[in-house]
Amino acid sequence: MTPNVTMQDVARAAGVHTGTVSRALNEATRDRVSADTLRRIDKAVRDLGYVPNPIARSLRTATSNTVGVVIPDLTNPLFPPMIRGIQSVLDSRGFSPLIVSTDYDPQREAAAISALLARQVDGLIVATARLNDPTFERLADQGTRIVMINRRLGGRDLDSVTADDETGMGLVISHLAELGHERILCLAGPQDTSTGVARLRGFRSAVESHGLDRDQKLIRICESWTTEQGAIQLTSALDENIPFTAVVAATDLIALGCYDAMAERGLSCPADLSVAGYNDMPLMDRLAPPLTSVAVPQFDIGREGARLFLAGMDDSDRLPRTILLPVSLSIRGSTAPPV
């Protein structure tokens, strides 16, 4: 590669103005350049070995072309597809994601966000929002561009992309009701998150609409979205001898905890208990038995979140948008009629 090749060198080689080269190398403006001119510029770039200087570009445009992506747990299979969706869109515009994982720790989250802002990211795509967390409202008021994915804030309208969780819970309850289940245990997610609240609301609404048992003892609130909590809450319900024939978990990880608790008790799924999860994370079809789960479009959530972010970059005065993506039910061997 030839050292110190500049945009001016490319322009001279292609016989065009430097502004035309700039437009040709920017995905957002490339379509404004004629096909013949693009071919000449692309050939000059290849022949000269030109590599754009992101630092110089950021000085010209007052942007860093980086986006902070804040997720709660990088080891959770739910989030890598979202990150891929984000990156698929940002790449097309020359933006790079800077990914941080908070491990569900508010102090770690605050430190990570401070570090991202210190690196002058152009904004944040956030999957960690809690309903009553003022952090992101404050940042938005200070001018930070923020898009919420997977979760929403409780009181402030910001750009957000989430799955239709109430409908999703209705799908799984309808499936279990059709199988003949009348007493269904709900292992709900933490109620300080929009996903936890929406899924529990969907459960209650669907149980009522299908005329199923509304015993409040059939609702257990998990402290976290973890396998451990699933095992703890199901074990507690079994120890109390509460009658139920099926379990709906607010996430697949909680459902996996149910598998663990049942194995320890010598119970069989679905012969003794049907189990359904939520999110349909990778490999749920490889379990024994394969897990019935509400399929959430994880890649699309990330992709649409990145699109909203870039739309805000292009028009800072636009009103916030809320996108609700459809879900579906993947029916597998973990659910069957009650014995």
C-alpha atoms as a PDB file:
ATOM      1  CA  MET A   1       0.000   0.000   0.000  1.00  0.00           C
ATOM      2  CA  THR A   2       1.374   3.425  -0.952  1.00  0.00           C
ATOM      3  CA  PRO A   3       1.935   5.537   2.207  1.00  0.00           C
ATOM      4  CA  ASN A   4       0.333   8.969   2.756  1.00  0.00           C
ATOM      5  CA  VAL A   5      -2.057   8.760  -0.174  1.00  0.00           C
ATOM      6  CA  THR A   6      -4.606  11.562   0.192  1.00  0.00           C
ATOM      7  CA  MET A   7      -8.108  12.180  -1.101  1.00  0.00           C
ATOM      8  CA  GLN A   8      -6.574  14.851  -3.339  1.00  0.00           C
ATOM      9  CA  ASP A   9      -4.368  12.160  -4.929  1.00  0.00           C
ATOM     10  CA  VAL A  10      -7.424  10.047  -5.639  1.00  0.00           C
ATOM     11  CA  ALA A  11      -9.232  13.042  -7.135  1.00  0.00           C
ATOM     12  CA  ARG A  12      -6.325  13.827  -9.467  1.00  0.00           C
ATOM     13  CA  ALA A  13      -6.056  10.187 -10.582  1.00  0.00           C
ATOM     14  CA  ALA A  14      -9.792  10.003 -11.276  1.00  0.00           C
ATOM     15  CA  GLY A  15      -9.959  13.448 -12.881  1.00  0.00           C
ATOM     16  CA  VAL A  16     -12.618  14.777 -10.466  1.00  0.00           C
ATOM     17  CA  HIS A  17     -12.978  17.256  -7.638  1.00  0.00           C
ATOM     18  CA  THR A  18     -12.121  16.157  -4.077  1.00  0.00           C
ATOM     19  CA  GLY A  19     -15.736  16.817  -3.072  1.00  0.00           C
ATOM     20  CA  THR A  20     -16.874  14.228  -5.609  1.00  0.00           C
ATOM     21  CA  VAL A  21     -14.444  11.692  -4.114  1.00  0.00           C
ATOM     22  CA  SER A  22     -15.818  12.459  -0.651  1.00  0.00           C
ATOM     23  CA  ARG A  23     -19.393  11.855  -1.822  1.00  0.00           C
ATOM     24  CA  ALA A  24     -18.388   8.628  -3.597  1.00  0.00           C
ATOM     25  CA  LEU A  25     -16.721   7.227  -0.472  1.00  0.00           C
ATOM     26  CA  ASN A  26     -19.677   8.017   1.793  1.00  0.00           C
ATOM     27  CA  GLU A  27     -22.473   5.422   1.638  1.00  0.00           C
ATOM     28  CA  ALA A  28     -25.023   8.122   2.495  1.00  0.00           C
ATOM     29  CA  THR A  29     -24.131  10.227  -0.578  1.00  0.00           C
ATOM     30  CA  ARG A  30     -22.668   7.657  -2.976  1.00  0.00           C
ATOM     31  CA  ASP A  31     -25.889   7.503  -5.003  1.00  0.00           C
ATOM     32  CA  ARG A  32     -25.404  11.158  -5.963  1.00  0.00           C
ATOM     33  CA  VAL A  33     -22.360  10.243  -8.080  1.00  0.00           C
ATOM     34  CA  SER A  34     -22.736   8.887 -11.640  1.00  0.00           C
ATOM     35  CA  ALA A  35     -21.882   5.242 -12.305  1.00  0.00           C
ATOM     36  CA  ASP A  36     -18.997   6.155 -14.657  1.00  0.00           C
ATOM     37  CA  THR A  37     -17.456   8.529 -12.109  1.00  0.00           C
ATOM     38  CA  LEU A  38     -17.820   5.914  -9.358  1.00  0.00           C
ATOM     39  CA  ARG A  39     -15.909   3.400 -11.461  1.00  0.00           C
ATOM     40  CA  ARG A  40     -13.048   5.864 -12.007  1.00  0.00           C
ATOM     41  CA  ILE A  41     -12.880   6.785  -8.340  1.00  0.00           C
ATOM     42  CA  ASP A  42     -13.049   3.155  -7.155  1.00  0.00           C
ATOM     43  CA  LYS A  43     -10.257   2.252  -9.594  1.00  0.00           C
ATOM     44  CA  ALA A  44      -8.096   5.136  -8.333  1.00  0.00           C
ATOM     45  CA  VAL A  45      -8.704   4.058  -4.726  1.00  0.00           C
ATOM     46  CA  ARG A  46      -7.597   0.501  -5.542  1.00  0.00           C
ATOM     47  CA  ASP A  47      -4.609   1.527  -7.660  1.00  0.00           C
ATOM     48  CA  LEU A  48      -3.289   4.018  -5.113  1.00  0.00           C
ATOM     49  CA  GLY A  49      -4.156   1.954  -2.034  1.00  0.00           C
ATOM     50  CA  TYR A  50      -6.056   4.864  -0.489  1.00  0.00           C
ATOM     51  CA  VAL A  51      -7.421   4.308   3.040  1.00  0.00           C
ATOM     52  CA  PRO A  52      -9.785   6.991   4.448  1.00  0.00           C
ATOM     53  CA  ASN A  53      -8.591   8.697   7.616  1.00  0.00           C
ATOM     54  CA  PRO A  54     -11.404   8.406  10.181  1.00  0.00           C
ATOM     55  CA  ILE A  55      -9.830  10.988  12.486  1.00  0.00           C
ATOM     56  CA  ALA A  56      -9.664  13.615   9.774  1.00  0.00           C
ATOM     57  CA  ARG A  57     -13.222  12.776   8.721  1.00  0.00           C
ATOM     58  CA  SER A  58     -14.503  13.160  12.277  1.00  0.00           C
ATOM     59  CA  LEU A  59     -12.879  16.607  12.509  1.00  0.00           C
ATOM     60  CA  ARG A  60     -14.612  17.688   9.298  1.00  0.00           C
ATOM     61  CA  THR A  61     -18.030  16.322  10.206  1.00  0.00           C
ATOM     62  CA  ALA A  62     -17.960  16.847  14.008  1.00  0.00           C
ATOM     63  CA  THR A  63     -18.782  13.160  14.441  1.00  0.00           C
ATOM     64  CA  SER A  64     -16.676  10.236  15.629  1.00  0.00           C
ATOM     65  CA  ASN A  65     -18.536   7.651  13.531  1.00  0.00           C
ATOM     66  CA  THR A  66     -18.737   5.433  16.611  1.00  0.00           C
ATOM     67  CA  VAL A  67     -21.833   4.331  18.525  1.00  0.00           C
ATOM     68  CA  GLY A  68     -21.851   3.032  22.093  1.00  0.00           C
ATOM     69  CA  VAL A  69     -23.839  -0.214  22.398  1.00  0.00           C
ATOM     70  CA  VAL A  70     -24.802  -1.009  25.996  1.00  0.00           C
ATOM     71  CA  ILE A  71     -26.030  -4.549  26.740  1.00  0.00           C
ATOM     72  CA  PRO A  72     -26.662  -6.264  30.083  1.00  0.00           C
ATOM     73  CA  ASP A  73     -24.902  -9.588  29.468  1.00  0.00           C
ATOM     74  CA  LEU A  74     -22.672 -10.527  26.546  1.00  0.00           C
ATOM     75  CA  THR A  75     -22.883 -14.227  27.486  1.00  0.00           C
ATOM     76  CA  ASN A  76     -26.689 -14.252  27.099  1.00  0.00           C
ATOM     77  CA  PRO A  77     -27.470 -15.801  23.674  1.00  0.00           C
ATOM     78  CA  LEU A  78     -30.256 -13.246  23.221  1.00  0.00           C
ATOM     79  CA  PHE A  79     -27.894 -10.343  22.544  1.00  0.00           C
ATOM     80  CA  PRO A  80     -25.310 -11.425  19.912  1.00  0.00           C
ATOM     81  CA  PRO A  81     -27.988 -11.513  17.152  1.00  0.00           C
ATOM     82  CA  MET A  82     -29.037  -7.983  18.162  1.00  0.00           C
ATOM     83  CA  ILE A  83     -25.422  -6.818  17.946  1.00  0.00           C
ATOM     84  CA  ARG A  84     -25.136  -8.393  14.490  1.00  0.00           C
ATOM     85  CA  GLY A  85     -28.256  -6.531  13.423  1.00  0.00           C
ATOM     86  CA  ILE A  86     -26.828  -3.255  14.704  1.00  0.00           C
ATOM     87  CA  GLN A  87     -23.512  -3.793  12.977  1.00  0.00           C
ATOM     88  CA  SER A  88     -25.124  -4.760   9.659  1.00  0.00           C
ATOM     89  CA  VAL A  89     -26.661  -1.271   9.453  1.00  0.00           C
ATOM     90  CA  LEU A  90     -23.838   0.765  10.972  1.00  0.00           C
ATOM     91  CA  ASP A  91     -21.274  -0.810   8.614  1.00  0.00           C
ATOM     92  CA  SER A  92     -23.195   0.474   5.609  1.00  0.00           C
ATOM     93  CA  ARG A  93     -22.736   4.046   6.816  1.00  0.00           C
ATOM     94  CA  GLY A  94     -19.148   3.763   8.027  1.00  0.00           C
ATOM     95  CA  PHE A  95     -20.025   3.723  11.739  1.00  0.00           C
ATOM     96  CA  SER A  96     -18.431   1.347  14.243  1.00  0.00           C
ATOM     97  CA  PRO A  97     -20.115  -0.012  17.401  1.00  0.00           C
ATOM     98  CA  LEU A  98     -18.258   0.132  20.711  1.00  0.00           C
ATOM     99  CA  ILE A  99     -19.854  -2.648  22.790  1.00  0.00           C
ATOM    100  CA  VAL A 100     -19.934  -2.755  26.593  1.00  0.00           C
ATOM    101  CA  SER A 101     -21.550  -5.355  28.850  1.00  0.00           C
ATOM    102  CA  THR A 102     -22.832  -4.198  32.238  1.00  0.00           C
ATOM    103  CA  ASP A 103     -23.492  -7.596  33.889  1.00  0.00           C
ATOM    104  CA  TYR A 104     -26.750  -6.119  35.225  1.00  0.00           C
ATOM    105  CA  ASP A 105     -24.690  -3.885  37.563  1.00  0.00           C
ATOM    106  CA  PRO A 106     -25.892  -0.225  37.675  1.00  0.00           C
ATOM    107  CA  GLN A 107     -22.497   1.037  38.863  1.00  0.00           C
ATOM    108  CA  ARG A 108     -20.708  -0.825  36.100  1.00  0.00           C
ATOM    109  CA  GLU A 109     -23.243   0.553  33.628  1.00  0.00           C
ATOM    110  CA  ALA A 110     -22.652   4.141  34.773  1.00  0.00           C
ATOM    111  CA  ALA A 111     -18.880   3.723  34.474  1.00  0.00           C
ATOM    112  CA  ALA A 112     -19.178   2.160  31.024  1.00  0.00           C
ATOM    113  CA  ILE A 113     -21.429   4.930  29.731  1.00  0.00           C
ATOM    114  CA  SER A 114     -19.064   7.592  31.101  1.00  0.00           C
ATOM    115  CA  ALA A 115     -16.176   5.890  29.312  1.00  0.00           C
ATOM    116  CA  LEU A 116     -18.120   5.754  26.034  1.00  0.00           C
ATOM    117  CA  LEU A 117     -19.067   9.425  26.233  1.00  0.00           C
ATOM    118  CA  ALA A 118     -15.464  10.322  27.052  1.00  0.00           C
ATOM    119  CA  ARG A 119     -14.516   8.684  23.758  1.00  0.00           C
ATOM    120  CA  GLN A 120     -16.979  11.051  22.073  1.00  0.00           C
ATOM    121  CA  VAL A 121     -19.314   8.427  20.643  1.00  0.00           C
ATOM    122  CA  ASP A 122     -22.080   9.897  18.498  1.00  0.00           C
ATOM    123  CA  GLY A 123     -24.700   8.399  20.792  1.00  0.00           C
ATOM    124  CA  LEU A 124     -25.887   5.220  22.497  1.00  0.00           C
ATOM    125  CA  ILE A 125     -27.956   2.166  21.568  1.00  0.00           C
ATOM    126  CA  VAL A 126     -29.088   0.758  24.897  1.00  0.00           C
ATOM    127  CA  ALA A 127     -30.521  -2.644  25.862  1.00  0.00           C
ATOM    128  CA  THR A 128     -30.261  -2.224  29.643  1.00  0.00           C
ATOM    129  CA  ALA A 129     -32.975   0.330  30.457  1.00  0.00           C
ATOM    130  CA  ARG A 130     -34.892  -0.007  33.714  1.00  0.00           C
ATOM    131  CA  LEU A 131     -38.326   1.536  34.040  1.00  0.00           C
ATOM    132  CA  ASN A 132     -37.483   4.100  36.704  1.00  0.00           C
ATOM    133  CA  ASP A 133     -33.872   4.819  35.777  1.00  0.00           C
ATOM    134  CA  PRO A 134     -33.346   8.598  35.305  1.00  0.00           C
ATOM    135  CA  THR A 135     -29.898   8.145  33.748  1.00  0.00           C
ATOM    136  CA  PHE A 136     -30.990   8.022  30.127  1.00  0.00           C
ATOM    137  CA  GLU A 137     -33.563  10.786  30.519  1.00  0.00           C
ATOM    138  CA  ARG A 138     -30.804  13.023  31.887  1.00  0.00           C
ATOM    139  CA  LEU A 139     -28.434  12.111  29.081  1.00  0.00           C
ATOM    140  CA  ALA A 140     -31.125  12.760  26.465  1.00  0.00           C
ATOM    141  CA  ASP A 141     -31.843  16.155  28.026  1.00  0.00           C
ATOM    142  CA  GLN A 142     -28.127  16.920  27.732  1.00  0.00           C
ATOM    143  CA  GLY A 143     -28.232  16.189  24.007  1.00  0.00           C
ATOM    144  CA  THR A 144     -26.986  12.591  23.865  1.00  0.00           C
ATOM    145  CA  ARG A 145     -28.607  10.658  21.022  1.00  0.00           C
ATOM    146  CA  ILE A 146     -30.161   7.500  22.535  1.00  0.00           C
ATOM    147  CA  VAL A 147     -32.090   4.570  21.066  1.00  0.00           C
ATOM    148  CA  MET A 148     -33.585   1.880  23.291  1.00  0.00           C
ATOM    149  CA  ILE A 149     -33.696  -1.717  22.080  1.00  0.00           C
ATOM    150  CA  ASN A 150     -35.413  -4.707  23.710  1.00  0.00           C
ATOM    151  CA  ARG A 151     -36.570  -2.491  26.602  1.00  0.00           C
ATOM    152  CA  ARG A 152     -38.153   0.924  27.094  1.00  0.00           C
ATOM    153  CA  LEU A 153     -38.121   3.598  29.766  1.00  0.00           C
ATOM    154  CA  GLY A 154     -41.172   4.060  31.932  1.00  0.00           C
ATOM    155  CA  GLY A 155     -41.978   7.734  31.514  1.00  0.00           C
ATOM    156  CA  ARG A 156     -39.835   9.282  28.759  1.00  0.00           C
ATOM    157  CA  ASP A 157     -40.414   8.926  25.033  1.00  0.00           C
ATOM    158  CA  LEU A 158     -37.156   8.016  23.308  1.00  0.00           C
ATOM    159  CA  ASP A 159     -36.586   6.119  20.078  1.00  0.00           C
ATOM    160  CA  SER A 160     -37.192   2.455  20.884  1.00  0.00           C
ATOM    161  CA  VAL A 161     -37.513  -0.958  19.252  1.00  0.00           C
ATOM    162  CA  THR A 162     -39.087  -3.811  21.197  1.00  0.00           C
ATOM    163  CA  ALA A 163     -40.920  -7.056  20.524  1.00  0.00           C
ATOM    164  CA  ASP A 164     -44.688  -7.262  21.008  1.00  0.00           C
ATOM    165  CA  ASP A 165     -44.366  -8.999  24.360  1.00  0.00           C
ATOM    166  CA  GLU A 166     -48.006  -8.886  25.419  1.00  0.00           C
ATOM    167  CA  THR A 167     -49.078 -10.590  22.200  1.00  0.00           C
ATOM    168  CA  GLY A 168     -46.252 -13.105  22.568  1.00  0.00           C
ATOM    169  CA  MET A 169     -47.394 -14.163  26.001  1.00  0.00           C
ATOM    170  CA  GLY A 170     -50.924 -14.430  24.665  1.00  0.00           C
ATOM    171  CA  LEU A 171     -49.727 -16.844  21.976  1.00  0.00           C
ATOM    172  CA  VAL A 172     -48.152 -19.238  24.446  1.00  0.00           C
ATOM    173  CA  ILE A 173     -51.121 -19.147  26.839  1.00  0.00           C
ATOM    174  CA  SER A 174     -53.508 -19.825  23.955  1.00  0.00           C
ATOM    175  CA  HIS A 175     -51.369 -22.813  22.960  1.00  0.00           C
ATOM    176  CA  LEU A 176     -51.399 -24.249  26.493  1.00  0.00           C
ATOM    177  CA  ALA A 177     -55.136 -23.617  26.881  1.00  0.00           C
ATOM    178  CA  GLU A 178     -55.814 -25.476  23.633  1.00  0.00           C
ATOM    179  CA  LEU A 179     -53.823 -28.409  25.004  1.00  0.00           C
ATOM    180  CA  GLY A 180     -56.126 -28.456  28.059  1.00  0.00           C
ATOM    181  CA  HIS A 181     -54.033 -26.740  30.735  1.00  0.00           C
ATOM    182  CA  GLU A 182     -56.072 -24.717  33.232  1.00  0.00           C
ATOM    183  CA  ARG A 183     -53.585 -23.952  36.014  1.00  0.00           C
ATOM    184  CA  ILE A 184     -50.415 -22.430  34.563  1.00  0.00           C
ATOM    185  CA  LEU A 185     -47.484 -21.241  36.668  1.00  0.00           C
ATOM    186  CA  CYS A 186     -45.934 -17.977  35.463  1.00  0.00           C
ATOM    187  CA  LEU A 187     -42.287 -17.312  36.284  1.00  0.00           C
ATOM    188  CA  ALA A 188     -42.290 -13.604  35.493  1.00  0.00           C
ATOM    189  CA  GLY A 189     -39.232 -11.465  34.872  1.00  0.00           C
ATOM    190  CA  PRO A 190     -38.030  -8.568  37.048  1.00  0.00           C
ATOM    191  CA  GLN A 191     -40.736  -5.924  37.316  1.00  0.00           C
ATOM    192  CA  ASP A 192     -38.328  -3.001  37.076  1.00  0.00           C
ATOM    193  CA  THR A 193     -37.980  -3.677  33.327  1.00  0.00           C
ATOM    194  CA  SER A 194     -40.472  -3.025  30.547  1.00  0.00           C
ATOM    195  CA  THR A 195     -40.107  -6.580  29.248  1.00  0.00           C
ATOM    196  CA  GLY A 196     -40.891  -8.045  32.672  1.00  0.00           C
ATOM    197  CA  VAL A 197     -43.969  -5.855  33.068  1.00  0.00           C
ATOM    198  CA  ALA A 198     -45.296  -6.397  29.526  1.00  0.00           C
ATOM    199  CA  ARG A 199     -44.922 -10.173  29.621  1.00  0.00           C
ATOM    200  CA  LEU A 200     -46.635 -10.466  32.998  1.00  0.00           C
ATOM    201  CA  ARG A 201     -49.422  -8.177  31.797  1.00  0.00           C
ATOM    202  CA  GLY A 202     -49.795 -10.362  28.717  1.00  0.00           C
ATOM    203  CA  PHE A 203     -49.965 -13.485  30.883  1.00  0.00           C
ATOM    204  CA  ARG A 204     -52.693 -12.070  33.117  1.00  0.00           C
ATOM    205  CA  SER A 205     -54.744 -10.813  30.185  1.00  0.00           C
ATOM    206  CA  ALA A 206     -54.518 -14.120  28.307  1.00  0.00           C
ATOM    207  CA  VAL A 207     -55.355 -16.224  31.377  1.00  0.00           C
ATOM    208  CA  GLU A 208     -58.448 -14.108  31.971  1.00  0.00           C
ATOM    209  CA  SER A 209     -59.566 -14.145  28.332  1.00  0.00           C
ATOM    210  CA  HIS A 210     -59.300 -17.951  28.190  1.00  0.00           C
ATOM    211  CA  GLY A 211     -61.119 -18.419  31.499  1.00  0.00           C
ATOM    212  CA  LEU A 212     -58.135 -20.113  33.166  1.00  0.00           C
ATOM    213  CA  ASP A 213     -57.413 -20.195  36.888  1.00  0.00           C
ATOM    214  CA  ARG A 214     -56.259 -16.749  38.092  1.00  0.00           C
ATOM    215  CA  ASP A 215     -54.841 -17.925  41.441  1.00  0.00           C
ATOM    216  CA  GLN A 216     -52.220 -15.317  42.429  1.00  0.00           C
ATOM    217  CA  LYS A 217     -50.056 -18.092  43.869  1.00  0.00           C
ATOM    218  CA  LEU A 218     -49.458 -19.139  40.264  1.00  0.00           C
ATOM    219  CA  ILE A 219     -47.389 -15.983  39.656  1.00  0.00           C
ATOM    220  CA  ARG A 220     -43.773 -15.877  40.836  1.00  0.00           C
ATOM    221  CA  ILE A 221     -41.504 -12.889  40.219  1.00  0.00           C
ATOM    222  CA  CYS A 222     -37.914 -13.782  39.376  1.00  0.00           C
ATOM    223  CA  GLU A 223     -35.259 -11.411  40.714  1.00  0.00           C
ATOM    224  CA  SER A 224     -33.171 -11.768  37.544  1.00  0.00           C
ATOM    225  CA  TRP A 225     -33.377 -13.242  34.029  1.00  0.00           C
ATOM    226  CA  THR A 226     -31.282 -16.268  34.983  1.00  0.00           C
ATOM    227  CA  THR A 227     -31.321 -20.051  35.000  1.00  0.00           C
ATOM    228  CA  GLU A 228     -30.710 -19.978  38.750  1.00  0.00           C
ATOM    229  CA  GLN A 229     -33.868 -17.957  39.357  1.00  0.00           C
ATOM    230  CA  GLY A 230     -35.910 -20.347  37.234  1.00  0.00           C
ATOM    231  CA  ALA A 231     -34.761 -23.284  39.341  1.00  0.00           C
ATOM    232  CA  ILE A 232     -35.341 -21.436  42.620  1.00  0.00           C
ATOM    233  CA  GLN A 233     -38.848 -20.252  41.766  1.00  0.00           C
ATOM    234  CA  LEU A 234     -40.064 -23.574  40.358  1.00  0.00           C
ATOM    235  CA  THR A 235     -38.612 -25.469  43.330  1.00  0.00           C
ATOM    236  CA  SER A 236     -40.406 -23.081  45.696  1.00  0.00           C
ATOM    237  CA  ALA A 237     -43.741 -23.640  43.941  1.00  0.00           C
ATOM    238  CA  LEU A 238     -43.284 -27.417  44.016  1.00  0.00           C
ATOM    239  CA  ASP A 239     -42.349 -27.324  47.704  1.00  0.00           C
ATOM    240  CA  GLU A 240     -45.591 -25.477  48.448  1.00  0.00           C
ATOM    241  CA  ASN A 241     -47.586 -28.211  46.692  1.00  0.00           C
ATOM    242  CA  ILE A 242     -49.384 -25.675  44.505  1.00  0.00           C
ATOM    243  CA  PRO A 243     -51.227 -27.604  41.776  1.00  0.00           C
ATOM    244  CA  PHE A 244     -50.320 -26.671  38.176  1.00  0.00           C
ATOM    245  CA  THR A 245     -49.717 -28.625  34.986  1.00  0.00           C
ATOM    246  CA  ALA A 246     -47.647 -26.152  32.940  1.00  0.00           C
ATOM    247  CA  VAL A 247     -45.013 -23.473  33.449  1.00  0.00           C
ATOM    248  CA  VAL A 248     -44.492 -20.343  31.359  1.00  0.00           C
ATOM    249  CA  ALA A 249     -41.110 -18.707  31.863  1.00  0.00           C
ATOM    250  CA  ALA A 250     -40.499 -15.058  30.958  1.00  0.00           C
ATOM    251  CA  THR A 251     -37.273 -16.012  29.190  1.00  0.00           C
ATOM    252  CA  ASP A 252     -35.610 -19.180  27.926  1.00  0.00           C
ATOM    253  CA  LEU A 253     -32.907 -18.985  30.602  1.00  0.00           C
ATOM    254  CA  ILE A 254     -35.564 -19.135  33.318  1.00  0.00           C
ATOM    255  CA  ALA A 255     -37.112 -22.092  31.470  1.00  0.00           C
ATOM    256  CA  LEU A 256     -33.728 -23.857  31.499  1.00  0.00           C
ATOM    257  CA  GLY A 257     -33.725 -23.461  35.262  1.00  0.00           C
ATOM    258  CA  CYS A 258     -37.076 -25.269  35.299  1.00  0.00           C
ATOM    259  CA  TYR A 259     -35.459 -28.158  33.411  1.00  0.00           C
ATOM    260  CA  ASP A 260     -32.763 -28.313  36.102  1.00  0.00           C
ATOM    261  CA  ALA A 261     -35.270 -28.255  38.979  1.00  0.00           C
ATOM    262  CA  MET A 262     -37.410 -30.953  37.365  1.00  0.00           C
ATOM    263  CA  ALA A 263     -34.409 -33.205  36.775  1.00  0.00           C
ATOM    264  CA  GLU A 264     -33.438 -32.873  40.416  1.00  0.00           C
ATOM    265  CA  ARG A 265     -36.964 -33.892  41.447  1.00  0.00           C
ATOM    266  CA  GLY A 266     -37.107 -36.761  38.992  1.00  0.00           C
ATOM    267  CA  LEU A 267     -39.919 -35.091  37.047  1.00  0.00           C
ATOM    268  CA  SER A 268     -40.326 -35.507  33.318  1.00  0.00           C
ATOM    269  CA  CYS A 269     -41.145 -32.797  30.767  1.00  0.00           C
ATOM    270  CA  PRO A 270     -43.778 -32.770  29.351  1.00  0.00           C
ATOM    271  CA  ALA A 271     -45.224 -35.892  31.002  1.00  0.00           C
ATOM    272  CA  ASP A 272     -45.291 -34.314  34.468  1.00  0.00           C
ATOM    273  CA  LEU A 273     -45.093 -30.623  33.550  1.00  0.00           C
ATOM    274  CA  SER A 274     -45.188 -28.750  30.275  1.00  0.00           C
ATOM    275  CA  VAL A 275     -42.636 -25.911  30.051  1.00  0.00           C
ATOM    276  CA  ALA A 276     -42.577 -22.949  27.668  1.00  0.00           C
ATOM    277  CA  GLY A 277     -40.006 -20.188  27.374  1.00  0.00           C
ATOM    278  CA  TYR A 278     -39.654 -16.802  25.751  1.00  0.00           C
ATOM    279  CA  ASN A 279     -37.174 -15.387  23.167  1.00  0.00           C
ATOM    280  CA  ASP A 280     -36.464 -18.662  21.316  1.00  0.00           C
ATOM    281  CA  MET A 281     -32.724 -18.230  21.751  1.00  0.00           C
ATOM    282  CA  PRO A 282     -30.265 -20.271  19.657  1.00  0.00           C
ATOM    283  CA  LEU A 283     -30.113 -24.010  20.442  1.00  0.00           C
ATOM    284  CA  MET A 284     -33.494 -24.151  22.197  1.00  0.00           C
ATOM    285  CA  ASP A 285     -34.484 -26.713  19.561  1.00  0.00           C
ATOM    286  CA  ARG A 286     -31.535 -28.907  20.649  1.00  0.00           C
ATOM    287  CA  LEU A 287     -32.689 -29.393  24.233  1.00  0.00           C
ATOM    288  CA  ALA A 288     -34.211 -32.619  25.510  1.00  0.00           C
ATOM    289  CA  PRO A 289     -37.064 -32.067  25.045  1.00  0.00           C
ATOM    290  CA  PRO A 290     -36.844 -29.150  22.570  1.00  0.00           C
ATOM    291  CA  LEU A 291     -38.301 -26.038  24.186  1.00  0.00           C
ATOM    292  CA  THR A 292     -41.546 -24.438  23.070  1.00  0.00           C
ATOM    293  CA  SER A 293     -40.761 -20.726  23.029  1.00  0.00           C
ATOM    294  CA  VAL A 294     -41.969 -17.354  21.772  1.00  0.00           C
ATOM    295  CA  ALA A 295     -39.683 -16.377  18.901  1.00  0.00           C
ATOM    296  CA  VAL A 296     -38.445 -12.782  19.122  1.00  0.00           C
ATOM    297  CA  PRO A 297     -36.813 -11.212  16.018  1.00  0.00           C
ATOM    298  CA  GLN A 298     -33.520 -10.475  17.761  1.00  0.00           C
ATOM    299  CA  PHE A 299     -31.540  -9.529  14.632  1.00  0.00           C
ATOM    300  CA  ASP A 300     -34.361  -7.235  13.479  1.00  0.00           C
ATOM    301  CA  ILE A 301     -34.492  -5.483  16.857  1.00  0.00           C
ATOM    302  CA  GLY A 302     -30.815  -4.564  16.495  1.00  0.00           C
ATOM    303  CA  ARG A 303     -31.172  -3.616  12.844  1.00  0.00           C
ATOM    304  CA  GLU A 304     -34.182  -1.359  13.390  1.00  0.00           C
ATOM    305  CA  GLY A 305     -32.502   0.215  16.419  1.00  0.00           C
ATOM    306  CA  ALA A 306     -29.481   1.138  14.311  1.00  0.00           C
ATOM    307  CA  ARG A 307     -31.745   2.520  11.584  1.00  0.00           C
ATOM    308  CA  LEU A 308     -33.497   4.741  14.118  1.00  0.00           C
ATOM    309  CA  PHE A 309     -30.111   5.910  15.368  1.00  0.00           C
ATOM    310  CA  LEU A 310     -28.930   6.895  11.901  1.00  0.00           C
ATOM    311  CA  ALA A 311     -32.273   8.565  11.157  1.00  0.00           C
ATOM    312  CA  GLY A 312     -31.692  10.709  14.221  1.00  0.00           C
ATOM    313  CA  MET A 313     -28.219  11.553  12.969  1.00  0.00           C
ATOM    314  CA  ASP A 314     -29.715  12.718   9.672  1.00  0.00           C
ATOM    315  CA  ASP A 315     -32.545  14.704  11.299  1.00  0.00           C
ATOM    316  CA  SER A 316     -31.965  15.742  14.888  1.00  0.00           C
ATOM    317  CA  ASP A 317     -35.377  17.465  15.095  1.00  0.00           C
ATOM    318  CA  ARG A 318     -37.462  14.389  14.261  1.00  0.00           C
ATOM    319  CA  LEU A 319     -39.913  13.144  16.890  1.00  0.00           C
ATOM    320  CA  PRO A 320     -39.081   9.898  18.763  1.00  0.00           C
ATOM    321  CA  ARG A 321     -40.440   6.721  17.215  1.00  0.00           C
ATOM    322  CA  THR A 322     -41.584   3.506  18.896  1.00  0.00           C
ATOM    323  CA  ILE A 323     -41.320   0.321  16.821  1.00  0.00           C
ATOM    324  CA  LEU A 324     -43.094  -2.826  17.999  1.00  0.00           C
ATOM    325  CA  LEU A 325     -41.958  -5.922  16.113  1.00  0.00           C
ATOM    326  CA  PRO A 326     -44.189  -9.006  15.685  1.00  0.00           C
ATOM    327  CA  VAL A 327     -43.417 -12.298  17.407  1.00  0.00           C
ATOM    328  CA  SER A 328     -44.378 -15.919  16.732  1.00  0.00           C
ATOM    329  CA  LEU A 329     -44.611 -19.169  18.670  1.00  0.00           C
ATOM    330  CA  SER A 330     -42.235 -22.079  18.054  1.00  0.00           C
ATOM    331  CA  ILE A 331     -44.088 -25.167  19.284  1.00  0.00           C
ATOM    332  CA  ARG A 332     -41.836 -28.073  20.248  1.00  0.00           C
ATOM    333  CA  GLY A 333     -41.744 -31.133  22.452  1.00  0.00           C
ATOM    334  CA  SER A 334     -41.737 -29.457  25.883  1.00  0.00           C
ATOM    335  CA  THR A 335     -45.507 -28.841  25.803  1.00  0.00           C
ATOM    336  CA  ALA A 336     -48.227 -31.481  25.627  1.00  0.00           C
ATOM    337  CA  PRO A 337     -51.735 -32.102  26.987  1.00  0.00           C
ATOM    338  CA  PRO A 338     -51.841 -32.608  30.773  1.00  0.00           C
ATOM    339  CA  VAL A 339     -52.032 -36.166  31.987  1.00  0.00           C
END
